[in-house]
Amino acid sequence: MDGSYDDDFSKIALAVTAAQLAKVNSVKEFGIGEDLTFNFFGWRNDNLTIICQMSRKDMSLSIKKRLMKSTELCSVLRRYWQVTSITMVAEGYCSMDADKTGNIELSKAFLDPSASVRECITVAHANAAEAVGRGGSIPLTTVAVPYSYEIGRNIAWGDMLIYPGGGQEKFRNAQFPEMLRKQLTRKIVDDLPPEAFDELRRLMRINGFYAEDVA
């Protein structure tokens, strides 16, 4: 993939565009109800270096188990691929009125037309390089792109919603974005021999992720 992405929003925009295209193609091929799997974009400064996708089989696991697998993956990306930022793409629900939904499970609130809950693609981006000058705190930006289905296996996209502080009050399962921040504090391992990466990719597959090196 060509191009340098020198700010967080260009990185996020790439992830959103890729997710929208994948969603449109999925709906065209399989119809309504086929959610995207988790995707992780690993960046080293301005360059995208690796993309990892959770298998469809592992997406059927509980949230707790998927979080555990995702944590292990992001730890590897930070320590061995030396990524400085990670972008996570997932599907879910977002509340357009956090005061109204409160602690209600959003997937259930979605069934109530008056609850102001939308299906959406969510993108969480954490950047360790931006922690300098922030007292070591890694900034987190979350983006939601609401959508609805239309006749003919088409999708109508809503306006992108951007939450520079993470937007935890708008989403559920905020432990995933926080996990990104935590794993980006892990110490980088230098001078790993090339053959070690083949073994790491094999372990990724065993852990339920397909990995593609970009650069």
N, C-alpha and C. Protein backbone atom coordinates (compact mmCIF):
# COMPACT_ATOMS: atom_id res chain seq x y z
N MET A 1 0.85 -1.19 0.00
CA MET A 1 0.00 0.00 0.00
C MET A 1 0.88 1.24 0.00
N ASP A 2 0.71 2.10 -1.00
CA ASP A 2 1.57 3.25 -1.15
C ASP A 2 1.08 4.41 -0.29
N GLY A 3 2.02 5.32 0.02
CA GLY A 3 1.64 6.54 0.71
C GLY A 3 2.06 6.56 2.14
N SER A 4 2.31 7.78 2.61
CA SER A 4 2.68 8.00 4.00
C SER A 4 1.53 8.72 4.68
N TYR A 5 1.24 8.32 5.89
CA TYR A 5 0.11 8.87 6.63
C TYR A 5 0.68 9.58 7.86
N ASP A 6 0.80 10.91 7.74
CA ASP A 6 1.58 11.65 8.72
C ASP A 6 0.77 12.23 9.87
N ASP A 7 -0.50 11.89 9.98
CA ASP A 7 -1.29 12.32 11.14
C ASP A 7 -2.33 11.25 11.45
N ASP A 8 -2.87 11.31 12.66
CA ASP A 8 -3.80 10.27 13.10
C ASP A 8 -5.05 10.20 12.24
N PHE A 9 -5.55 11.34 11.79
CA PHE A 9 -6.82 11.32 11.06
C PHE A 9 -6.66 10.73 9.65
N SER A 10 -5.48 10.86 9.06
CA SER A 10 -5.27 10.19 7.76
C SER A 10 -5.21 8.68 7.96
N LYS A 11 -4.64 8.24 9.07
CA LYS A 11 -4.62 6.81 9.39
C LYS A 11 -6.03 6.29 9.63
N ILE A 12 -6.79 7.05 10.41
CA ILE A 12 -8.17 6.66 10.71
C ILE A 12 -9.01 6.64 9.43
N ALA A 13 -8.81 7.65 8.57
CA ALA A 13 -9.57 7.73 7.32
C ALA A 13 -9.32 6.52 6.44
N LEU A 14 -8.07 6.05 6.39
CA LEU A 14 -7.76 4.85 5.61
C LEU A 14 -8.51 3.64 6.16
N ALA A 15 -8.49 3.48 7.48
CA ALA A 15 -9.17 2.34 8.11
C ALA A 15 -10.68 2.40 7.87
N VAL A 16 -11.26 3.59 7.98
CA VAL A 16 -12.70 3.75 7.76
C VAL A 16 -13.06 3.40 6.32
N THR A 17 -12.29 3.92 5.37
CA THR A 17 -12.56 3.66 3.95
C THR A 17 -12.46 2.16 3.64
N ALA A 18 -11.43 1.51 4.18
CA ALA A 18 -11.27 0.08 3.96
C ALA A 18 -12.44 -0.70 4.55
N ALA A 19 -12.88 -0.29 5.75
CA ALA A 19 -13.99 -0.98 6.42
C ALA A 19 -15.30 -0.79 5.65
N GLN A 20 -15.53 0.42 5.16
CA GLN A 20 -16.76 0.67 4.40
C GLN A 20 -16.79 -0.17 3.12
N LEU A 21 -15.67 -0.23 2.45
CA LEU A 21 -15.60 -1.02 1.21
C LEU A 21 -15.84 -2.49 1.51
N ALA A 22 -15.21 -2.99 2.58
CA ALA A 22 -15.39 -4.40 2.96
C ALA A 22 -16.84 -4.68 3.34
N LYS A 23 -17.48 -3.74 4.03
CA LYS A 23 -18.87 -3.92 4.44
C LYS A 23 -19.80 -3.94 3.22
N VAL A 24 -19.59 -3.02 2.31
CA VAL A 24 -20.41 -2.97 1.10
C VAL A 24 -20.28 -4.28 0.31
N ASN A 25 -19.06 -4.74 0.14
CA ASN A 25 -18.83 -5.98 -0.61
C ASN A 25 -19.44 -7.18 0.11
N SER A 26 -19.34 -7.19 1.44
CA SER A 26 -19.90 -8.29 2.22
C SER A 26 -21.42 -8.36 2.08
N VAL A 27 -22.07 -7.21 2.15
CA VAL A 27 -23.53 -7.17 2.03
C VAL A 27 -23.96 -7.56 0.62
N LYS A 28 -23.22 -7.10 -0.37
CA LYS A 28 -23.55 -7.46 -1.75
C LYS A 28 -23.47 -8.97 -1.97
N GLU A 29 -22.45 -9.59 -1.35
CA GLU A 29 -22.22 -11.02 -1.56
C GLU A 29 -23.07 -11.90 -0.67
N PHE A 30 -23.17 -11.53 0.63
CA PHE A 30 -23.82 -12.43 1.59
C PHE A 30 -25.16 -11.92 2.10
N GLY A 31 -25.47 -10.65 1.88
CA GLY A 31 -26.71 -10.10 2.38
C GLY A 31 -26.55 -9.49 3.75
N ILE A 32 -27.66 -9.04 4.30
CA ILE A 32 -27.68 -8.37 5.60
C ILE A 32 -27.35 -9.36 6.72
N GLY A 33 -26.61 -8.89 7.70
CA GLY A 33 -26.36 -9.71 8.88
C GLY A 33 -24.95 -10.25 8.99
N GLU A 34 -24.13 -10.05 7.96
CA GLU A 34 -22.77 -10.56 7.98
C GLU A 34 -21.84 -9.45 8.46
N ASP A 35 -21.50 -9.47 9.75
CA ASP A 35 -20.66 -8.43 10.32
C ASP A 35 -19.20 -8.61 9.93
N LEU A 36 -18.47 -7.50 9.91
CA LEU A 36 -17.04 -7.55 9.65
C LEU A 36 -16.32 -8.17 10.85
N THR A 37 -15.20 -8.80 10.59
CA THR A 37 -14.38 -9.32 11.68
C THR A 37 -13.45 -8.20 12.18
N PHE A 38 -12.86 -8.41 13.36
CA PHE A 38 -11.92 -7.43 13.89
C PHE A 38 -10.72 -7.28 12.95
N ASN A 39 -10.30 -6.05 12.74
CA ASN A 39 -9.10 -5.76 11.96
C ASN A 39 -8.20 -4.83 12.76
N PHE A 40 -6.90 -5.09 12.70
CA PHE A 40 -5.91 -4.25 13.38
C PHE A 40 -4.89 -3.77 12.37
N PHE A 41 -4.72 -2.45 12.29
CA PHE A 41 -3.73 -1.83 11.43
C PHE A 41 -2.56 -1.40 12.31
N GLY A 42 -1.37 -1.92 12.01
CA GLY A 42 -0.18 -1.57 12.78
C GLY A 42 0.67 -0.56 12.01
N TRP A 43 0.95 0.57 12.66
CA TRP A 43 1.70 1.65 12.02
C TRP A 43 3.04 1.84 12.70
N ARG A 44 4.07 2.09 11.91
CA ARG A 44 5.36 2.51 12.45
C ARG A 44 5.57 3.94 11.99
N ASN A 45 5.34 4.86 12.90
CA ASN A 45 5.35 6.29 12.59
C ASN A 45 4.33 6.59 11.49
N ASP A 46 4.77 7.03 10.30
CA ASP A 46 3.81 7.43 9.26
C ASP A 46 3.44 6.31 8.30
N ASN A 47 3.99 5.13 8.50
CA ASN A 47 3.82 4.06 7.52
C ASN A 47 3.03 2.87 8.08
N LEU A 48 2.11 2.39 7.27
CA LEU A 48 1.38 1.17 7.61
C LEU A 48 2.29 -0.03 7.35
N THR A 49 2.49 -0.86 8.37
CA THR A 49 3.43 -1.97 8.24
C THR A 49 2.76 -3.34 8.22
N ILE A 50 1.61 -3.48 8.89
CA ILE A 50 0.97 -4.79 8.96
C ILE A 50 -0.52 -4.64 9.21
N ILE A 51 -1.31 -5.53 8.63
CA ILE A 51 -2.75 -5.60 8.88
C ILE A 51 -3.09 -7.01 9.34
N CYS A 52 -3.84 -7.11 10.42
CA CYS A 52 -4.23 -8.42 10.97
C CYS A 52 -5.74 -8.50 11.09
N GLN A 53 -6.29 -9.64 10.68
CA GLN A 53 -7.74 -9.84 10.70
C GLN A 53 -8.07 -11.09 11.49
N MET A 54 -9.02 -10.96 12.42
CA MET A 54 -9.47 -12.11 13.20
C MET A 54 -10.29 -13.04 12.32
N SER A 55 -10.11 -14.32 12.51
CA SER A 55 -10.84 -15.30 11.71
C SER A 55 -12.33 -15.27 12.03
N ARG A 56 -13.13 -15.68 11.07
CA ARG A 56 -14.58 -15.74 11.28
C ARG A 56 -14.93 -16.69 12.42
N LYS A 57 -14.19 -17.78 12.53
CA LYS A 57 -14.43 -18.74 13.59
C LYS A 57 -14.23 -18.11 14.96
N ASP A 58 -13.14 -17.37 15.12
CA ASP A 58 -12.85 -16.77 16.42
C ASP A 58 -13.79 -15.61 16.75
N MET A 59 -14.39 -15.02 15.73
CA MET A 59 -15.36 -13.95 15.99
C MET A 59 -16.60 -14.46 16.70
N SER A 60 -16.81 -15.76 16.69
CA SER A 60 -17.97 -16.34 17.38
C SER A 60 -17.70 -16.55 18.87
N LEU A 61 -16.48 -16.32 19.30
CA LEU A 61 -16.13 -16.48 20.71
C LEU A 61 -16.72 -15.36 21.55
N SER A 62 -16.67 -15.52 22.86
CA SER A 62 -17.17 -14.49 23.76
C SER A 62 -16.30 -13.23 23.67
N ILE A 63 -16.87 -12.11 24.11
CA ILE A 63 -16.11 -10.86 24.12
C ILE A 63 -14.83 -11.02 24.94
N LYS A 64 -14.91 -11.71 26.06
CA LYS A 64 -13.75 -11.89 26.93
C LYS A 64 -12.62 -12.62 26.20
N LYS A 65 -12.97 -13.68 25.48
CA LYS A 65 -11.95 -14.46 24.78
C LYS A 65 -11.39 -13.69 23.59
N ARG A 66 -12.26 -12.94 22.91
CA ARG A 66 -11.76 -12.13 21.79
C ARG A 66 -10.84 -11.02 22.28
N LEU A 67 -11.15 -10.47 23.43
CA LEU A 67 -10.28 -9.45 24.01
C LEU A 67 -8.92 -10.04 24.36
N MET A 68 -8.92 -11.24 24.93
CA MET A 68 -7.67 -11.89 25.29
C MET A 68 -6.81 -12.13 24.05
N LYS A 69 -7.41 -12.65 22.98
CA LYS A 69 -6.67 -12.91 21.75
C LYS A 69 -6.17 -11.61 21.13
N SER A 70 -7.00 -10.58 21.16
CA SER A 70 -6.61 -9.29 20.58
C SER A 70 -5.48 -8.67 21.39
N THR A 71 -5.50 -8.85 22.69
CA THR A 71 -4.43 -8.33 23.55
C THR A 71 -3.10 -8.99 23.19
N GLU A 72 -3.11 -10.30 23.02
CA GLU A 72 -1.89 -11.02 22.67
C GLU A 72 -1.36 -10.55 21.32
N LEU A 73 -2.27 -10.35 20.37
CA LEU A 73 -1.85 -9.88 19.05
C LEU A 73 -1.19 -8.50 19.14
N CYS A 74 -1.85 -7.57 19.82
CA CYS A 74 -1.34 -6.20 19.88
C CYS A 74 -0.02 -6.14 20.64
N SER A 75 0.17 -7.02 21.60
CA SER A 75 1.44 -7.10 22.31
C SER A 75 2.55 -7.48 21.34
N VAL A 76 2.28 -8.45 20.48
CA VAL A 76 3.27 -8.89 19.48
C VAL A 76 3.57 -7.77 18.49
N LEU A 77 2.52 -7.08 18.04
CA LEU A 77 2.73 -6.00 17.09
C LEU A 77 3.61 -4.91 17.68
N ARG A 78 3.39 -4.60 18.93
CA ARG A 78 4.19 -3.55 19.58
C ARG A 78 5.63 -4.02 19.81
N ARG A 79 5.79 -5.17 20.38
CA ARG A 79 7.14 -5.60 20.79
C ARG A 79 8.02 -5.98 19.61
N TYR A 80 7.45 -6.70 18.63
CA TYR A 80 8.28 -7.26 17.57
C TYR A 80 8.17 -6.53 16.24
N TRP A 81 6.97 -6.05 15.89
CA TRP A 81 6.84 -5.24 14.69
C TRP A 81 7.14 -3.77 14.97
N GLN A 82 7.32 -3.44 16.23
CA GLN A 82 7.72 -2.11 16.67
C GLN A 82 6.75 -1.02 16.23
N VAL A 83 5.45 -1.33 16.26
CA VAL A 83 4.48 -0.34 15.84
C VAL A 83 4.40 0.79 16.87
N THR A 84 4.14 1.98 16.39
CA THR A 84 3.99 3.14 17.27
C THR A 84 2.53 3.52 17.45
N SER A 85 1.66 3.00 16.58
CA SER A 85 0.23 3.23 16.75
C SER A 85 -0.53 2.04 16.18
N ILE A 86 -1.72 1.83 16.71
CA ILE A 86 -2.58 0.73 16.28
C ILE A 86 -3.98 1.27 16.06
N THR A 87 -4.58 0.86 14.95
CA THR A 87 -5.97 1.20 14.64
C THR A 87 -6.79 -0.08 14.63
N MET A 88 -7.85 -0.10 15.42
CA MET A 88 -8.73 -1.27 15.46
C MET A 88 -10.05 -0.94 14.79
N VAL A 89 -10.52 -1.85 13.92
CA VAL A 89 -11.80 -1.69 13.24
C VAL A 89 -12.72 -2.81 13.68
N ALA A 90 -13.95 -2.45 14.02
CA ALA A 90 -14.93 -3.45 14.45
C ALA A 90 -16.32 -2.95 14.08
N GLU A 91 -17.30 -3.82 14.27
CA GLU A 91 -18.69 -3.41 14.12
C GLU A 91 -19.35 -3.40 15.48
N GLY A 92 -20.37 -2.57 15.61
CA GLY A 92 -21.07 -2.53 16.89
C GLY A 92 -22.26 -1.60 16.83
N TYR A 93 -22.55 -1.02 17.97
CA TYR A 93 -23.67 -0.10 18.10
C TYR A 93 -23.17 1.16 18.81
N CYS A 94 -23.71 2.29 18.42
CA CYS A 94 -23.38 3.52 19.13
C CYS A 94 -24.66 4.25 19.50
N SER A 95 -24.63 4.91 20.62
CA SER A 95 -25.78 5.66 21.10
C SER A 95 -25.69 7.09 20.61
N MET A 96 -26.76 7.57 20.05
CA MET A 96 -26.82 8.96 19.64
C MET A 96 -27.32 9.84 20.78
N ASP A 97 -27.68 9.22 21.88
CA ASP A 97 -28.16 9.94 23.07
C ASP A 97 -27.74 9.15 24.30
N ALA A 98 -26.51 9.37 24.77
CA ALA A 98 -25.95 8.59 25.87
C ALA A 98 -26.76 8.72 27.14
N ASP A 99 -27.36 9.88 27.37
CA ASP A 99 -28.16 10.07 28.58
C ASP A 99 -29.40 9.18 28.57
N LYS A 100 -29.93 8.95 27.39
CA LYS A 100 -31.16 8.16 27.27
C LYS A 100 -30.88 6.67 27.41
N THR A 101 -29.77 6.21 26.84
CA THR A 101 -29.49 4.77 26.88
C THR A 101 -28.83 4.34 28.19
N GLY A 102 -28.13 5.25 28.85
CA GLY A 102 -27.53 4.93 30.16
C GLY A 102 -26.72 3.66 30.11
N ASN A 103 -27.04 2.71 30.99
CA ASN A 103 -26.31 1.45 31.06
C ASN A 103 -27.03 0.32 30.32
N ILE A 104 -27.98 0.66 29.48
CA ILE A 104 -28.71 -0.35 28.72
C ILE A 104 -27.78 -0.98 27.70
N GLU A 105 -27.85 -2.28 27.53
CA GLU A 105 -27.08 -2.96 26.50
C GLU A 105 -27.53 -2.45 25.14
N LEU A 106 -26.59 -1.91 24.38
CA LEU A 106 -26.95 -1.23 23.14
C LEU A 106 -27.55 -2.16 22.10
N SER A 107 -27.12 -3.42 22.06
CA SER A 107 -27.69 -4.35 21.10
C SER A 107 -29.18 -4.57 21.37
N LYS A 108 -29.58 -4.49 22.63
CA LYS A 108 -31.00 -4.62 22.98
C LYS A 108 -31.73 -3.31 22.76
N ALA A 109 -31.07 -2.19 23.11
CA ALA A 109 -31.69 -0.88 22.91
C ALA A 109 -31.93 -0.61 21.42
N PHE A 110 -31.10 -1.20 20.56
CA PHE A 110 -31.24 -1.01 19.12
C PHE A 110 -32.61 -1.46 18.62
N LEU A 111 -33.20 -2.44 19.29
CA LEU A 111 -34.50 -2.96 18.88
C LEU A 111 -35.64 -1.99 19.16
N ASP A 112 -35.36 -0.97 19.98
CA ASP A 112 -36.35 0.06 20.30
C ASP A 112 -36.10 1.27 19.41
N PRO A 113 -37.00 1.57 18.48
CA PRO A 113 -36.78 2.67 17.54
C PRO A 113 -36.59 4.02 18.22
N SER A 114 -37.09 4.17 19.43
CA SER A 114 -37.00 5.45 20.14
C SER A 114 -35.71 5.60 20.94
N ALA A 115 -34.85 4.57 20.92
CA ALA A 115 -33.67 4.57 21.78
C ALA A 115 -32.48 5.33 21.20
N SER A 116 -32.56 5.74 19.95
CA SER A 116 -31.48 6.50 19.30
C SER A 116 -30.16 5.71 19.28
N VAL A 117 -30.25 4.42 18.95
CA VAL A 117 -29.06 3.58 18.83
C VAL A 117 -28.92 3.15 17.38
N ARG A 118 -27.71 3.26 16.84
CA ARG A 118 -27.47 2.92 15.45
C ARG A 118 -26.42 1.82 15.34
N GLU A 119 -26.58 0.98 14.33
CA GLU A 119 -25.48 0.09 13.96
C GLU A 119 -24.37 0.94 13.36
N CYS A 120 -23.14 0.54 13.59
CA CYS A 120 -22.05 1.37 13.08
C CYS A 120 -20.76 0.56 12.94
N ILE A 121 -19.88 1.11 12.14
CA ILE A 121 -18.48 0.68 12.14
C ILE A 121 -17.74 1.57 13.11
N THR A 122 -16.96 0.98 13.99
CA THR A 122 -16.19 1.77 14.94
C THR A 122 -14.70 1.60 14.67
N VAL A 123 -13.98 2.68 14.80
CA VAL A 123 -12.54 2.68 14.62
C VAL A 123 -11.91 3.34 15.84
N ALA A 124 -11.03 2.60 16.51
CA ALA A 124 -10.30 3.13 17.66
C ALA A 124 -8.83 3.22 17.30
N HIS A 125 -8.24 4.37 17.58
CA HIS A 125 -6.84 4.60 17.20
C HIS A 125 -6.07 5.14 18.39
N ALA A 126 -4.98 4.44 18.75
CA ALA A 126 -4.10 4.87 19.83
C ALA A 126 -2.70 5.07 19.27
N ASN A 127 -2.04 6.16 19.69
CA ASN A 127 -0.76 6.53 19.11
C ASN A 127 0.25 6.82 20.22
N ALA A 128 1.21 5.90 20.39
CA ALA A 128 2.22 6.07 21.43
C ALA A 128 3.16 7.23 21.13
N ALA A 129 3.36 7.53 19.85
CA ALA A 129 4.27 8.60 19.48
C ALA A 129 3.77 9.96 19.95
N GLU A 130 2.46 10.07 20.15
CA GLU A 130 1.87 11.33 20.59
C GLU A 130 1.86 11.47 22.11
N ALA A 131 2.41 10.48 22.81
CA ALA A 131 2.42 10.54 24.28
C ALA A 131 3.46 11.53 24.79
N VAL A 132 4.44 11.87 23.96
CA VAL A 132 5.48 12.82 24.35
C VAL A 132 4.84 14.19 24.58
N GLY A 133 5.14 14.76 25.72
CA GLY A 133 4.55 16.05 26.06
C GLY A 133 3.19 15.95 26.71
N ARG A 134 2.69 14.73 26.88
CA ARG A 134 1.40 14.51 27.52
C ARG A 134 1.55 13.77 28.84
N GLY A 135 2.74 13.82 29.38
CA GLY A 135 2.98 13.11 30.63
C GLY A 135 2.97 11.62 30.46
N GLY A 136 3.25 11.14 29.23
CA GLY A 136 3.27 9.70 28.97
C GLY A 136 1.91 9.12 28.66
N SER A 137 0.87 9.92 28.68
CA SER A 137 -0.48 9.42 28.39
C SER A 137 -0.68 9.28 26.89
N ILE A 138 -1.05 8.09 26.45
CA ILE A 138 -1.24 7.82 25.03
C ILE A 138 -2.63 8.28 24.61
N PRO A 139 -2.72 9.20 23.65
CA PRO A 139 -4.04 9.68 23.22
C PRO A 139 -4.82 8.61 22.48
N LEU A 140 -6.13 8.67 22.63
CA LEU A 140 -7.03 7.70 22.01
C LEU A 140 -8.14 8.45 21.29
N THR A 141 -8.35 8.10 20.03
CA THR A 141 -9.44 8.68 19.25
C THR A 141 -10.35 7.56 18.78
N THR A 142 -11.64 7.73 18.95
CA THR A 142 -12.61 6.75 18.49
C THR A 142 -13.54 7.41 17.48
N VAL A 143 -13.82 6.69 16.43
CA VAL A 143 -14.70 7.17 15.37
C VAL A 143 -15.82 6.16 15.16
N ALA A 144 -17.02 6.66 14.95
CA ALA A 144 -18.15 5.80 14.61
C ALA A 144 -18.74 6.27 13.29
N VAL A 145 -19.08 5.31 12.43
CA VAL A 145 -19.75 5.62 11.17
C VAL A 145 -21.07 4.86 11.15
N PRO A 146 -22.16 5.50 11.55
CA PRO A 146 -23.46 4.80 11.56
C PRO A 146 -23.89 4.42 10.15
N TYR A 147 -24.70 3.36 10.07
CA TYR A 147 -25.21 2.97 8.76
C TYR A 147 -26.57 2.32 8.92
N SER A 148 -27.27 2.24 7.80
CA SER A 148 -28.55 1.52 7.76
C SER A 148 -28.63 0.80 6.43
N TYR A 149 -29.43 -0.27 6.41
CA TYR A 149 -29.57 -1.06 5.19
C TYR A 149 -30.71 -0.51 4.34
N GLU A 150 -30.50 -0.58 3.03
CA GLU A 150 -31.53 -0.14 2.10
C GLU A 150 -31.89 -1.29 1.15
N ILE A 151 -32.95 -1.10 0.41
CA ILE A 151 -33.40 -2.12 -0.53
C ILE A 151 -32.31 -2.38 -1.58
N GLY A 152 -32.18 -3.63 -1.96
CA GLY A 152 -31.22 -3.99 -2.98
C GLY A 152 -29.83 -4.23 -2.45
N ARG A 153 -29.74 -4.61 -1.17
CA ARG A 153 -28.45 -4.88 -0.55
C ARG A 153 -27.51 -3.66 -0.63
N ASN A 154 -28.10 -2.50 -0.40
CA ASN A 154 -27.32 -1.27 -0.36
C ASN A 154 -27.20 -0.78 1.08
N ILE A 155 -26.21 0.08 1.32
CA ILE A 155 -25.98 0.65 2.64
C ILE A 155 -26.01 2.17 2.54
N ALA A 156 -26.72 2.79 3.47
CA ALA A 156 -26.73 4.25 3.60
C ALA A 156 -25.84 4.61 4.78
N TRP A 157 -24.79 5.38 4.53
CA TRP A 157 -23.84 5.75 5.58
C TRP A 157 -24.22 7.08 6.20
N GLY A 158 -24.15 7.14 7.51
CA GLY A 158 -24.36 8.40 8.21
C GLY A 158 -23.07 9.19 8.31
N ASP A 159 -23.14 10.36 8.91
CA ASP A 159 -21.96 11.20 9.09
C ASP A 159 -21.01 10.56 10.09
N MET A 160 -19.73 10.73 9.84
CA MET A 160 -18.72 10.22 10.76
C MET A 160 -18.77 10.99 12.08
N LEU A 161 -18.75 10.25 13.18
CA LEU A 161 -18.75 10.84 14.51
C LEU A 161 -17.37 10.64 15.12
N ILE A 162 -16.74 11.72 15.56
CA ILE A 162 -15.37 11.66 16.05
C ILE A 162 -15.34 12.02 17.53
N TYR A 163 -14.67 11.16 18.32
CA TYR A 163 -14.56 11.36 19.75
C TYR A 163 -13.07 11.36 20.12
N PRO A 164 -12.44 12.55 20.15
CA PRO A 164 -10.99 12.61 20.43
C PRO A 164 -10.61 12.05 21.79
N GLY A 165 -11.52 12.08 22.75
CA GLY A 165 -11.21 11.57 24.08
C GLY A 165 -11.51 10.10 24.26
N GLY A 166 -11.96 9.44 23.20
CA GLY A 166 -12.25 8.02 23.29
C GLY A 166 -13.72 7.71 23.21
N GLY A 167 -14.58 8.64 23.69
CA GLY A 167 -16.02 8.47 23.56
C GLY A 167 -16.58 7.27 24.29
N GLN A 168 -15.98 6.92 25.44
CA GLN A 168 -16.42 5.71 26.14
C GLN A 168 -17.89 5.74 26.51
N GLU A 169 -18.43 6.94 26.73
CA GLU A 169 -19.83 7.03 27.13
C GLU A 169 -20.77 6.72 25.97
N LYS A 170 -20.23 6.70 24.74
CA LYS A 170 -21.07 6.46 23.57
C LYS A 170 -21.07 4.99 23.14
N PHE A 171 -20.10 4.23 23.63
CA PHE A 171 -19.91 2.87 23.17
C PHE A 171 -19.91 1.89 24.33
N ARG A 172 -20.04 0.63 24.01
CA ARG A 172 -19.84 -0.44 24.97
C ARG A 172 -18.52 -1.13 24.63
N ASN A 173 -18.06 -1.99 25.53
CA ASN A 173 -16.80 -2.71 25.33
C ASN A 173 -15.62 -1.76 25.12
N ALA A 174 -15.58 -0.71 25.97
CA ALA A 174 -14.49 0.27 25.88
C ALA A 174 -13.16 -0.35 26.27
N GLN A 175 -13.18 -1.61 26.78
CA GLN A 175 -11.91 -2.25 27.15
C GLN A 175 -11.03 -2.49 25.94
N PHE A 176 -11.59 -2.57 24.75
CA PHE A 176 -10.76 -2.78 23.56
C PHE A 176 -9.90 -1.55 23.26
N PRO A 177 -10.47 -0.35 23.15
CA PRO A 177 -9.62 0.83 22.95
C PRO A 177 -8.60 1.01 24.07
N GLU A 178 -8.99 0.77 25.30
CA GLU A 178 -8.04 0.91 26.41
C GLU A 178 -6.93 -0.13 26.31
N MET A 179 -7.27 -1.30 25.79
CA MET A 179 -6.26 -2.33 25.59
C MET A 179 -5.19 -1.86 24.62
N LEU A 180 -5.60 -1.15 23.55
CA LEU A 180 -4.64 -0.63 22.59
C LEU A 180 -3.63 0.28 23.28
N ARG A 181 -4.13 1.15 24.11
CA ARG A 181 -3.25 2.09 24.82
C ARG A 181 -2.26 1.34 25.71
N LYS A 182 -2.76 0.36 26.41
CA LYS A 182 -1.91 -0.38 27.34
C LYS A 182 -0.81 -1.14 26.60
N GLN A 183 -1.16 -1.80 25.51
CA GLN A 183 -0.16 -2.60 24.79
C GLN A 183 0.90 -1.73 24.12
N LEU A 184 0.55 -0.51 23.81
CA LEU A 184 1.53 0.39 23.20
C LEU A 184 2.55 0.92 24.21
N THR A 185 2.37 0.57 25.47
CA THR A 185 3.39 0.92 26.47
C THR A 185 4.43 -0.19 26.62
N ARG A 186 4.22 -1.33 25.95
CA ARG A 186 5.14 -2.45 26.08
C ARG A 186 6.49 -2.09 25.47
N LYS A 187 7.55 -2.67 26.03
CA LYS A 187 8.90 -2.39 25.57
C LYS A 187 9.16 -3.08 24.23
N ILE A 188 9.77 -2.35 23.30
CA ILE A 188 10.08 -2.88 21.98
C ILE A 188 11.30 -3.79 22.05
N VAL A 189 11.25 -4.90 21.30
CA VAL A 189 12.36 -5.84 21.22
C VAL A 189 13.14 -5.54 19.94
N ASP A 190 14.42 -5.22 20.08
CA ASP A 190 15.26 -4.89 18.93
C ASP A 190 15.99 -6.12 18.39
N ASP A 191 16.40 -6.02 17.13
CA ASP A 191 17.31 -7.00 16.51
C ASP A 191 16.78 -8.43 16.53
N LEU A 192 15.50 -8.58 16.21
CA LEU A 192 14.94 -9.92 16.10
C LEU A 192 15.35 -10.51 14.76
N PRO A 193 15.88 -11.74 14.72
CA PRO A 193 16.31 -12.33 13.45
C PRO A 193 15.12 -12.53 12.51
N PRO A 194 15.34 -12.40 11.20
CA PRO A 194 14.24 -12.50 10.23
C PRO A 194 13.43 -13.78 10.34
N GLU A 195 14.10 -14.90 10.62
CA GLU A 195 13.37 -16.17 10.69
C GLU A 195 12.39 -16.21 11.85
N ALA A 196 12.63 -15.37 12.86
CA ALA A 196 11.72 -15.35 14.01
C ALA A 196 10.34 -14.84 13.62
N PHE A 197 10.29 -13.98 12.60
CA PHE A 197 9.00 -13.43 12.18
C PHE A 197 8.12 -14.49 11.52
N ASP A 198 8.72 -15.47 10.86
CA ASP A 198 7.94 -16.57 10.31
C ASP A 198 7.24 -17.35 11.42
N GLU A 199 7.96 -17.55 12.51
CA GLU A 199 7.36 -18.25 13.65
C GLU A 199 6.27 -17.40 14.30
N LEU A 200 6.49 -16.11 14.38
CA LEU A 200 5.48 -15.23 14.96
C LEU A 200 4.21 -15.22 14.10
N ARG A 201 4.36 -15.22 12.79
CA ARG A 201 3.19 -15.27 11.92
C ARG A 201 2.45 -16.59 12.07
N ARG A 202 3.19 -17.67 12.26
CA ARG A 202 2.56 -18.97 12.48
C ARG A 202 1.76 -18.95 13.78
N LEU A 203 2.32 -18.36 14.81
CA LEU A 203 1.62 -18.26 16.10
C LEU A 203 0.39 -17.35 15.99
N MET A 204 0.48 -16.32 15.18
CA MET A 204 -0.68 -15.46 14.94
C MET A 204 -1.83 -16.26 14.34
N ARG A 205 -1.49 -17.10 13.35
CA ARG A 205 -2.53 -17.93 12.71
C ARG A 205 -3.17 -18.87 13.73
N ILE A 206 -2.34 -19.47 14.58
CA ILE A 206 -2.86 -20.36 15.61
C ILE A 206 -3.78 -19.60 16.56
N ASN A 207 -3.41 -18.34 16.82
CA ASN A 207 -4.20 -17.50 17.72
C ASN A 207 -5.46 -16.96 17.06
N GLY A 208 -5.63 -17.23 15.75
CA GLY A 208 -6.87 -16.84 15.09
C GLY A 208 -6.80 -15.59 14.24
N PHE A 209 -5.58 -15.20 13.84
CA PHE A 209 -5.43 -13.98 13.04
C PHE A 209 -4.68 -14.25 11.74
N TYR A 210 -5.19 -13.64 10.67
CA TYR A 210 -4.48 -13.63 9.39
C TYR A 210 -3.68 -12.33 9.35
N ALA A 211 -2.40 -12.42 9.03
CA ALA A 211 -1.54 -11.24 9.01
C ALA A 211 -0.98 -10.99 7.63
N GLU A 212 -0.95 -9.74 7.23
CA GLU A 212 -0.37 -9.35 5.95
C GLU A 212 0.59 -8.19 6.17
N ASP A 213 1.86 -8.42 5.88
CA ASP A 213 2.84 -7.35 5.97
C ASP A 213 2.65 -6.39 4.82
N VAL A 214 2.71 -5.11 5.12
CA VAL A 214 2.50 -4.08 4.10
C VAL A 214 3.82 -3.48 3.66
N ALA A 215 4.73 -3.28 4.59
CA ALA A 215 6.02 -2.70 4.24
C ALA A 215 7.10 -3.34 5.08
